[in-house]
Amino acid sequence: MVSFTAADDLAGAEFVGADLHGARFRESDLRGVRVRGADLTGADLDGIIDGLRIYGVEVAPLVAAELDRRHPERAALRARDADSMRAGWAGLEAMWASTVERVAAMPPGTVDVSIDGEWSFAQTLRHLVFATDVWVGAAILGRPDAFHQIGVPFSGWREQAAGVVDLHAAPSYPEVLGVRAERVGMVRDVLATLTDERLGERRETPVFVRVPHVTVGQCLGIIMNEEWHHHRYAVRDLEAIEADGS
C-alpha cells in the first residue's frame, strides 16, 4: 500500500481511471474535491460535510435531520442559553452512562481494543478528559493546574501538549473512569451556576490553542460537540467489536 502524508502535497491532483478501492483518508484536506463517474458502493464518509453535494443535493441538512431523529440528545449541540445547555449536558451524561454500562458487560479487554487504528474506548475517555481540561479547567475556570497527566490530546496538539500531559501514560481503566467522572462533575458544576450573561464572557485559551480568545459559551459548545461526536465514534467501534465476536 502506498502512503501519502502531510508532507506530500497532492492539492489539485487529478486521478483518472485510478484504482482507489479500500483506500483510507485520515485527517486529510478534501475541500472542493470533485468526483465524477465514480463507484462509491460501500463508501463510508465521516467528517465535516458542509456544502457537500450529491447529484446536486446538499447532504449536510439531510444527514443532520436524520441524526436528530435517531439521537434526541443532539439538541445539546444547538444549545445557546444556560437552561438549554444544562438540559443538553444532562442528556449527554445519560448517553455516556448507558454506554459505559454496555462496555462493562462486554468481554475483558474490550476497552483497550482499537478498530482501524482509532482510539480505544479507554483512550476516547482520556481524550475527553483532555478536552474538558482545555475548554473548562483551563479556559473557563483559569486553573493553573488544569491538566491531568492521563489526558490524550488530538494528534495536531501532541507536540505542544507534551508539557502538560504524559504522552506515555498507561493508566488502568478504573483510574480512567475516576478521572473522567471528576471532569464530568466539573462541567456539571460550571453549568449549575451558569447564567445567560456569562455566556458572552471572554476567556484566554492555553498557549497551544490556535484561537487565543473564546467566550464561555463557545467553550461549552466545543465540549458538547466533543462529547457527542466521540460517543458516536466509540459506539461505532463497539459495534464492530461485537460483530467480530472475538
C-alpha atoms as a PDB file:
ATOM      1  CA  MET A   1       0.000   0.000   0.000  1.00  0.00           C
ATOM      2  CA  VAL A   2       1.306   3.449  -0.932  1.00  0.00           C
ATOM      3  CA  SER A   3       1.051   6.007   1.878  1.00  0.00           C
ATOM      4  CA  PHE A   4       0.851   9.763   1.494  1.00  0.00           C
ATOM      5  CA  THR A   5       1.425  12.059   4.477  1.00  0.00           C
ATOM      6  CA  ALA A   6       1.067  15.774   5.154  1.00  0.00           C
ATOM      7  CA  ALA A   7       4.465  16.250   3.525  1.00  0.00           C
ATOM      8  CA  ASP A   8       3.050  15.044   0.200  1.00  0.00           C
ATOM      9  CA  ASP A   9       1.224  17.912  -1.485  1.00  0.00           C
ATOM     10  CA  LEU A  10      -1.495  16.421  -3.699  1.00  0.00           C
ATOM     11  CA  ALA A  11      -3.538  19.618  -3.965  1.00  0.00           C
ATOM     12  CA  GLY A  12      -5.024  19.908  -7.439  1.00  0.00           C
ATOM     13  CA  ALA A  13      -4.035  16.359  -8.380  1.00  0.00           C
ATOM     14  CA  GLU A  14      -6.184  14.542 -10.925  1.00  0.00           C
ATOM     15  CA  PHE A  15      -6.932  10.822 -10.725  1.00  0.00           C
ATOM     16  CA  VAL A  16      -8.268   9.282 -13.940  1.00  0.00           C
ATOM     17  CA  GLY A  17      -9.058   5.575 -14.059  1.00  0.00           C
ATOM     18  CA  ALA A  18      -7.270   5.190 -10.720  1.00  0.00           C
ATOM     19  CA  ASP A  19      -7.964   2.157  -8.522  1.00  0.00           C
ATOM     20  CA  LEU A  20      -8.529   3.576  -5.018  1.00  0.00           C
ATOM     21  CA  HIS A  21     -10.700   0.780  -3.662  1.00  0.00           C
ATOM     22  CA  GLY A  22     -10.112   0.244   0.037  1.00  0.00           C
ATOM     23  CA  ALA A  23      -8.124   3.492   0.327  1.00  0.00           C
ATOM     24  CA  ARG A  24      -8.317   5.372   3.614  1.00  0.00           C
ATOM     25  CA  PHE A  25      -8.133   9.114   4.111  1.00  0.00           C
ATOM     26  CA  ARG A  26      -7.419  10.263   7.681  1.00  0.00           C
ATOM     27  CA  GLU A  27      -7.267  13.913   8.745  1.00  0.00           C
ATOM     28  CA  SER A  28      -6.942  14.915   5.085  1.00  0.00           C
ATOM     29  CA  ASP A  29      -7.995  18.159   3.416  1.00  0.00           C
ATOM     30  CA  LEU A  30     -10.592  17.191   0.799  1.00  0.00           C
ATOM     31  CA  ARG A  31     -12.219  20.602   0.448  1.00  0.00           C
ATOM     32  CA  GLY A  32     -13.526  21.250  -3.053  1.00  0.00           C
ATOM     33  CA  VAL A  33     -12.865  17.679  -4.228  1.00  0.00           C
ATOM     34  CA  ARG A  34     -14.798  16.780  -7.383  1.00  0.00           C
ATOM     35  CA  VAL A  35     -15.785  13.173  -8.013  1.00  0.00           C
ATOM     36  CA  ARG A  36     -17.325  12.263 -11.367  1.00  0.00           C
ATOM     37  CA  GLY A  37     -18.435   8.872 -12.675  1.00  0.00           C
ATOM     38  CA  ALA A  38     -17.005   7.056  -9.639  1.00  0.00           C
ATOM     39  CA  ASP A  39     -18.192   3.856  -7.975  1.00  0.00           C
ATOM     40  CA  LEU A  40     -18.858   4.718  -4.324  1.00  0.00           C
ATOM     41  CA  THR A  41     -20.536   1.433  -3.419  1.00  0.00           C
ATOM     42  CA  GLY A  42     -19.899   0.773   0.262  1.00  0.00           C
ATOM     43  CA  ALA A  43     -18.020   4.057   0.762  1.00  0.00           C
ATOM     44  CA  ASP A  44     -18.094   5.405   4.332  1.00  0.00           C
ATOM     45  CA  LEU A  45     -17.632   9.161   4.793  1.00  0.00           C
ATOM     46  CA  ASP A  46     -17.093  10.762   8.182  1.00  0.00           C
ATOM     47  CA  GLY A  47     -16.039  14.381   8.678  1.00  0.00           C
ATOM     48  CA  ILE A  48     -17.100  17.973   8.066  1.00  0.00           C
ATOM     49  CA  ILE A  49     -19.528  17.802   5.136  1.00  0.00           C
ATOM     50  CA  ASP A  50     -20.919  21.338   4.999  1.00  0.00           C
ATOM     51  CA  GLY A  51     -21.528  22.131   1.323  1.00  0.00           C
ATOM     52  CA  LEU A  52     -21.123  18.518   0.171  1.00  0.00           C
ATOM     53  CA  ARG A  53     -23.485  17.837  -2.723  1.00  0.00           C
ATOM     54  CA  ILE A  54     -24.512  14.532  -4.266  1.00  0.00           C
ATOM     55  CA  TYR A  55     -26.433  14.768  -7.544  1.00  0.00           C
ATOM     56  CA  GLY A  56     -26.752  18.488  -6.810  1.00  0.00           C
ATOM     57  CA  VAL A  57     -28.413  17.946  -3.409  1.00  0.00           C
ATOM     58  CA  GLU A  58     -26.674  19.363  -0.328  1.00  0.00           C
ATOM     59  CA  VAL A  59     -26.187  16.448   2.028  1.00  0.00           C
ATOM     60  CA  ALA A  60     -25.431  18.038   5.424  1.00  0.00           C
ATOM     61  CA  PRO A  61     -29.003  19.179   6.268  1.00  0.00           C
ATOM     62  CA  LEU A  62     -30.401  15.748   5.368  1.00  0.00           C
ATOM     63  CA  VAL A  63     -27.822  13.954   7.499  1.00  0.00           C
ATOM     64  CA  ALA A  64     -28.386  16.350  10.412  1.00  0.00           C
ATOM     65  CA  ALA A  65     -32.138  15.784  10.297  1.00  0.00           C
ATOM     66  CA  GLU A  66     -31.718  12.003  10.329  1.00  0.00           C
ATOM     67  CA  LEU A  67     -29.207  12.157  13.178  1.00  0.00           C
ATOM     68  CA  ASP A  68     -31.589  14.362  15.169  1.00  0.00           C
ATOM     69  CA  ARG A  69     -34.335  11.797  14.629  1.00  0.00           C
ATOM     70  CA  ARG A  70     -32.135   8.964  15.847  1.00  0.00           C
ATOM     71  CA  HIS A  71     -30.421  10.871  18.654  1.00  0.00           C
ATOM     72  CA  PRO A  72     -32.575  13.408  20.531  1.00  0.00           C
ATOM     73  CA  GLU A  73     -29.592  14.241  22.758  1.00  0.00           C
ATOM     74  CA  ARG A  74     -28.099  16.109  19.793  1.00  0.00           C
ATOM     75  CA  ALA A  75     -30.244  19.041  20.936  1.00  0.00           C
ATOM     76  CA  ALA A  76     -27.257  19.861  23.163  1.00  0.00           C
ATOM     77  CA  LEU A  77     -25.289  20.849  20.064  1.00  0.00           C
ATOM     78  CA  ARG A  78     -27.738  23.670  19.364  1.00  0.00           C
ATOM     79  CA  ALA A  79     -28.000  24.969  22.938  1.00  0.00           C
ATOM     80  CA  ARG A  80     -27.472  28.730  23.069  1.00  0.00           C
ATOM     81  CA  ASP A  81     -28.748  29.670  26.545  1.00  0.00           C
ATOM     82  CA  ALA A  82     -27.874  28.484  30.047  1.00  0.00           C
ATOM     83  CA  ASP A  83     -31.008  26.411  30.634  1.00  0.00           C
ATOM     84  CA  SER A  84     -30.666  24.630  27.269  1.00  0.00           C
ATOM     85  CA  MET A  85     -27.024  23.866  27.989  1.00  0.00           C
ATOM     86  CA  ARG A  86     -27.877  22.374  31.374  1.00  0.00           C
ATOM     87  CA  ALA A  87     -30.580  20.197  29.804  1.00  0.00           C
ATOM     88  CA  GLY A  88     -28.284  19.250  26.943  1.00  0.00           C
ATOM     89  CA  TRP A  89     -25.461  18.241  29.252  1.00  0.00           C
ATOM     90  CA  ALA A  90     -27.821  16.054  31.303  1.00  0.00           C
ATOM     91  CA  GLY A  91     -28.758  14.245  28.106  1.00  0.00           C
ATOM     92  CA  LEU A  92     -25.116  13.733  27.159  1.00  0.00           C
ATOM     93  CA  GLU A  93     -24.294  12.407  30.624  1.00  0.00           C
ATOM     94  CA  ALA A  94     -27.131   9.874  30.400  1.00  0.00           C
ATOM     95  CA  MET A  95     -25.990   8.857  26.921  1.00  0.00           C
ATOM     96  CA  TRP A  96     -22.448   8.145  28.101  1.00  0.00           C
ATOM     97  CA  ALA A  97     -23.570   6.418  31.309  1.00  0.00           C
ATOM     98  CA  SER A  98     -25.565   3.905  29.272  1.00  0.00           C
ATOM     99  CA  THR A  99     -22.573   3.197  27.017  1.00  0.00           C
ATOM    100  CA  VAL A 100     -20.179   2.760  29.939  1.00  0.00           C
ATOM    101  CA  GLU A 101     -22.604   0.184  31.361  1.00  0.00           C
ATOM    102  CA  ARG A 102     -22.706  -1.537  27.992  1.00  0.00           C
ATOM    103  CA  VAL A 103     -18.913  -1.768  27.900  1.00  0.00           C
ATOM    104  CA  ALA A 104     -18.819  -3.164  31.437  1.00  0.00           C
ATOM    105  CA  ALA A 105     -20.874  -6.119  30.221  1.00  0.00           C
ATOM    106  CA  MET A 106     -18.558  -6.830  27.277  1.00  0.00           C
ATOM    107  CA  PRO A 107     -15.557  -9.210  27.426  1.00  0.00           C
ATOM    108  CA  PRO A 108     -12.481  -8.176  29.420  1.00  0.00           C
ATOM    109  CA  GLY A 109     -10.059  -6.099  27.389  1.00  0.00           C
ATOM    110  CA  THR A 110     -12.763  -4.509  25.231  1.00  0.00           C
ATOM    111  CA  VAL A 111     -11.849  -1.040  26.498  1.00  0.00           C
ATOM    112  CA  ASP A 112      -8.356  -1.363  25.012  1.00  0.00           C
ATOM    113  CA  VAL A 113      -9.346  -2.636  21.563  1.00  0.00           C
ATOM    114  CA  SER A 114      -8.555  -0.304  18.659  1.00  0.00           C
ATOM    115  CA  ILE A 115     -10.541  -0.520  15.421  1.00  0.00           C
ATOM    116  CA  ASP A 116      -8.759   0.605  12.248  1.00  0.00           C
ATOM    117  CA  GLY A 117      -6.146   2.494  14.221  1.00  0.00           C
ATOM    118  CA  GLU A 118      -8.725   4.668  16.029  1.00  0.00           C
ATOM    119  CA  TRP A 119      -8.668   5.367  19.754  1.00  0.00           C
ATOM    120  CA  SER A 120      -9.814   2.557  22.016  1.00  0.00           C
ATOM    121  CA  PHE A 121     -12.743   3.200  24.349  1.00  0.00           C
ATOM    122  CA  ALA A 122     -10.377   3.965  27.231  1.00  0.00           C
ATOM    123  CA  GLN A 123      -8.345   6.353  25.067  1.00  0.00           C
ATOM    124  CA  THR A 124     -11.543   8.105  23.974  1.00  0.00           C
ATOM    125  CA  LEU A 125     -12.449   8.780  27.609  1.00  0.00           C
ATOM    126  CA  ARG A 126      -8.916  10.051  28.202  1.00  0.00           C
ATOM    127  CA  HIS A 127      -9.254  12.397  25.238  1.00  0.00           C
ATOM    128  CA  LEU A 128     -12.477  13.783  26.709  1.00  0.00           C
ATOM    129  CA  VAL A 129     -10.572  14.361  29.951  1.00  0.00           C
ATOM    130  CA  PHE A 130      -8.056  16.411  27.971  1.00  0.00           C
ATOM    131  CA  ALA A 131     -10.764  18.322  26.094  1.00  0.00           C
ATOM    132  CA  THR A 132     -12.512  19.187  29.354  1.00  0.00           C
ATOM    133  CA  ASP A 133      -9.226  20.349  30.842  1.00  0.00           C
ATOM    134  CA  VAL A 134      -8.594  22.631  27.844  1.00  0.00           C
ATOM    135  CA  TRP A 135     -12.009  24.256  27.493  1.00  0.00           C
ATOM    136  CA  VAL A 136     -13.354  24.150  31.046  1.00  0.00           C
ATOM    137  CA  GLY A 137     -10.491  23.705  33.502  1.00  0.00           C
ATOM    138  CA  ALA A 138      -8.018  25.996  31.745  1.00  0.00           C
ATOM    139  CA  ALA A 139     -10.182  28.346  29.651  1.00  0.00           C
ATOM    140  CA  ILE A 140     -13.354  28.853  31.688  1.00  0.00           C
ATOM    141  CA  LEU A 141     -12.006  28.314  35.212  1.00  0.00           C
ATOM    142  CA  GLY A 142      -8.449  29.500  34.578  1.00  0.00           C
ATOM    143  CA  ARG A 143      -6.892  26.797  36.723  1.00  0.00           C
ATOM    144  CA  PRO A 144      -3.076  26.782  36.539  1.00  0.00           C
ATOM    145  CA  ASP A 145      -3.086  23.019  37.243  1.00  0.00           C
ATOM    146  CA  ALA A 146      -5.954  22.242  34.884  1.00  0.00           C
ATOM    147  CA  PHE A 147      -4.404  19.281  33.086  1.00  0.00           C
ATOM    148  CA  HIS A 148      -4.420  15.697  34.304  1.00  0.00           C
ATOM    149  CA  GLN A 149      -1.435  13.689  33.151  1.00  0.00           C
ATOM    150  CA  ILE A 150      -3.512  10.871  31.634  1.00  0.00           C
ATOM    151  CA  GLY A 151      -5.272  13.171  29.146  1.00  0.00           C
ATOM    152  CA  VAL A 152      -4.892  12.294  25.462  1.00  0.00           C
ATOM    153  CA  PRO A 153      -4.590  15.281  23.081  1.00  0.00           C
ATOM    154  CA  PHE A 154      -5.680  15.056  19.478  1.00  0.00           C
ATOM    155  CA  SER A 155      -2.831  14.415  17.036  1.00  0.00           C
ATOM    156  CA  GLY A 156      -2.453  18.042  15.977  1.00  0.00           C
ATOM    157  CA  TRP A 157      -1.658  19.108  19.525  1.00  0.00           C
ATOM    158  CA  ARG A 158       0.514  16.199  20.675  1.00  0.00           C
ATOM    159  CA  GLU A 159       3.826  18.009  20.479  1.00  0.00           C
ATOM    160  CA  GLN A 160       2.516  21.224  22.026  1.00  0.00           C
ATOM    161  CA  ALA A 161       0.623  19.421  24.799  1.00  0.00           C
ATOM    162  CA  ALA A 162       3.603  17.268  25.793  1.00  0.00           C
ATOM    163  CA  GLY A 163       4.425  19.764  28.513  1.00  0.00           C
ATOM    164  CA  VAL A 164       1.089  19.409  30.295  1.00  0.00           C
ATOM    165  CA  VAL A 165       0.251  15.702  29.884  1.00  0.00           C
ATOM    166  CA  ASP A 166       2.209  12.453  29.897  1.00  0.00           C
ATOM    167  CA  LEU A 167       2.086  11.147  26.340  1.00  0.00           C
ATOM    168  CA  HIS A 168       3.308   7.751  27.560  1.00  0.00           C
ATOM    169  CA  ALA A 169       0.860   7.367  30.428  1.00  0.00           C
ATOM    170  CA  ALA A 170      -0.746   3.922  30.746  1.00  0.00           C
ATOM    171  CA  PRO A 171      -3.439   4.278  33.418  1.00  0.00           C
ATOM    172  CA  SER A 172      -5.707   1.440  34.440  1.00  0.00           C
ATOM    173  CA  TYR A 173      -9.298   1.574  33.235  1.00  0.00           C
ATOM    174  CA  PRO A 174     -10.652   2.179  36.778  1.00  0.00           C
ATOM    175  CA  GLU A 175      -8.319   5.185  37.040  1.00  0.00           C
ATOM    176  CA  VAL A 176      -9.570   6.479  33.691  1.00  0.00           C
ATOM    177  CA  LEU A 177     -13.178   6.144  34.863  1.00  0.00           C
ATOM    178  CA  GLY A 178     -12.358   8.002  38.072  1.00  0.00           C
ATOM    179  CA  VAL A 179     -10.714  10.968  36.352  1.00  0.00           C
ATOM    180  CA  ARG A 180     -13.418  11.056  33.705  1.00  0.00           C
ATOM    181  CA  ALA A 181     -16.111  11.189  36.423  1.00  0.00           C
ATOM    182  CA  GLU A 182     -14.326  14.134  38.050  1.00  0.00           C
ATOM    183  CA  ARG A 183     -14.279  16.039  34.746  1.00  0.00           C
ATOM    184  CA  VAL A 184     -17.941  15.329  34.047  1.00  0.00           C
ATOM    185  CA  GLY A 185     -18.738  16.648  37.511  1.00  0.00           C
ATOM    186  CA  MET A 186     -16.659  19.755  36.851  1.00  0.00           C
ATOM    187  CA  VAL A 187     -18.720  20.605  33.771  1.00  0.00           C
ATOM    188  CA  ARG A 188     -21.927  19.945  35.702  1.00  0.00           C
ATOM    189  CA  ASP A 189     -20.796  22.318  38.458  1.00  0.00           C
ATOM    190  CA  VAL A 190     -19.976  25.081  35.960  1.00  0.00           C
ATOM    191  CA  LEU A 191     -23.370  24.684  34.326  1.00  0.00           C
ATOM    192  CA  ALA A 192     -25.181  24.716  37.678  1.00  0.00           C
ATOM    193  CA  THR A 193     -24.363  28.402  38.240  1.00  0.00           C
ATOM    194  CA  LEU A 194     -24.245  29.468  34.596  1.00  0.00           C
ATOM    195  CA  THR A 195     -26.295  32.470  33.514  1.00  0.00           C
ATOM    196  CA  ASP A 196     -27.065  33.735  30.037  1.00  0.00           C
ATOM    197  CA  GLU A 197     -24.987  36.843  30.755  1.00  0.00           C
ATOM    198  CA  ARG A 198     -21.872  34.793  31.478  1.00  0.00           C
ATOM    199  CA  LEU A 199     -22.036  33.004  28.124  1.00  0.00           C
ATOM    200  CA  GLY A 200     -20.545  36.039  26.387  1.00  0.00           C
ATOM    201  CA  GLU A 201     -17.620  36.470  28.792  1.00  0.00           C
ATOM    202  CA  ARG A 202     -14.241  36.204  27.097  1.00  0.00           C
ATOM    203  CA  ARG A 203     -11.612  33.719  28.198  1.00  0.00           C
ATOM    204  CA  GLU A 204      -7.992  33.042  27.263  1.00  0.00           C
ATOM    205  CA  THR A 205      -7.049  29.622  25.914  1.00  0.00           C
ATOM    206  CA  PRO A 206      -3.905  27.543  26.588  1.00  0.00           C
ATOM    207  CA  VAL A 207      -0.908  28.583  24.504  1.00  0.00           C
ATOM    208  CA  PHE A 208      -1.177  25.620  22.110  1.00  0.00           C
ATOM    209  CA  VAL A 209      -4.743  26.521  21.066  1.00  0.00           C
ATOM    210  CA  ARG A 210      -4.664  28.489  17.825  1.00  0.00           C
ATOM    211  CA  VAL A 211      -7.528  30.811  18.828  1.00  0.00           C
ATOM    212  CA  PRO A 212      -6.291  32.937  21.765  1.00  0.00           C
ATOM    213  CA  HIS A 213      -9.687  34.227  22.937  1.00  0.00           C
ATOM    214  CA  VAL A 214     -13.050  32.474  23.197  1.00  0.00           C
ATOM    215  CA  THR A 215     -16.290  33.026  25.084  1.00  0.00           C
ATOM    216  CA  VAL A 216     -17.655  30.844  27.853  1.00  0.00           C
ATOM    217  CA  GLY A 217     -20.485  29.829  25.525  1.00  0.00           C
ATOM    218  CA  GLN A 218     -18.056  28.801  22.799  1.00  0.00           C
ATOM    219  CA  CYS A 219     -16.044  26.686  25.253  1.00  0.00           C
ATOM    220  CA  LEU A 220     -19.140  24.836  26.408  1.00  0.00           C
ATOM    221  CA  GLY A 221     -20.318  24.387  22.820  1.00  0.00           C
ATOM    222  CA  ILE A 222     -16.988  22.801  21.903  1.00  0.00           C
ATOM    223  CA  ILE A 223     -17.194  20.412  24.843  1.00  0.00           C
ATOM    224  CA  MET A 224     -20.702  19.305  23.929  1.00  0.00           C
ATOM    225  CA  ASN A 225     -19.633  18.697  20.343  1.00  0.00           C
ATOM    226  CA  GLU A 226     -16.642  16.671  21.565  1.00  0.00           C
ATOM    227  CA  GLU A 227     -18.868  14.601  23.837  1.00  0.00           C
ATOM    228  CA  TRP A 228     -21.454  13.781  21.201  1.00  0.00           C
ATOM    229  CA  HIS A 229     -19.140  13.063  18.285  1.00  0.00           C
ATOM    230  CA  HIS A 230     -16.668  10.955  20.254  1.00  0.00           C
ATOM    231  CA  HIS A 231     -19.556   8.964  21.668  1.00  0.00           C
ATOM    232  CA  ARG A 232     -20.640   8.306  18.094  1.00  0.00           C
ATOM    233  CA  TYR A 233     -17.157   7.097  17.183  1.00  0.00           C
ATOM    234  CA  ALA A 234     -16.967   4.935  20.312  1.00  0.00           C
ATOM    235  CA  VAL A 235     -20.330   3.261  19.656  1.00  0.00           C
ATOM    236  CA  ARG A 236     -19.391   2.673  16.026  1.00  0.00           C
ATOM    237  CA  ASP A 237     -16.269   0.797  17.142  1.00  0.00           C
ATOM    238  CA  LEU A 238     -18.056  -1.113  19.905  1.00  0.00           C
ATOM    239  CA  GLU A 239     -20.491  -2.384  17.301  1.00  0.00           C
ATOM    240  CA  ALA A 240     -17.543  -3.513  15.151  1.00  0.00           C
ATOM    241  CA  ILE A 241     -16.045  -5.327  18.146  1.00  0.00           C
ATOM    242  CA  GLU A 242     -19.335  -7.079  18.858  1.00  0.00           C
ATOM    243  CA  ALA A 243     -19.775  -8.022  15.206  1.00  0.00           C
ATOM    244  CA  ASP A 244     -16.284  -9.516  15.147  1.00  0.00           C
ATOM    245  CA  GLY A 245     -17.137 -11.662  18.152  1.00  0.00           C
ATOM    246  CA  SER A 246     -13.529 -12.110  19.182  1.00  0.00           C
END
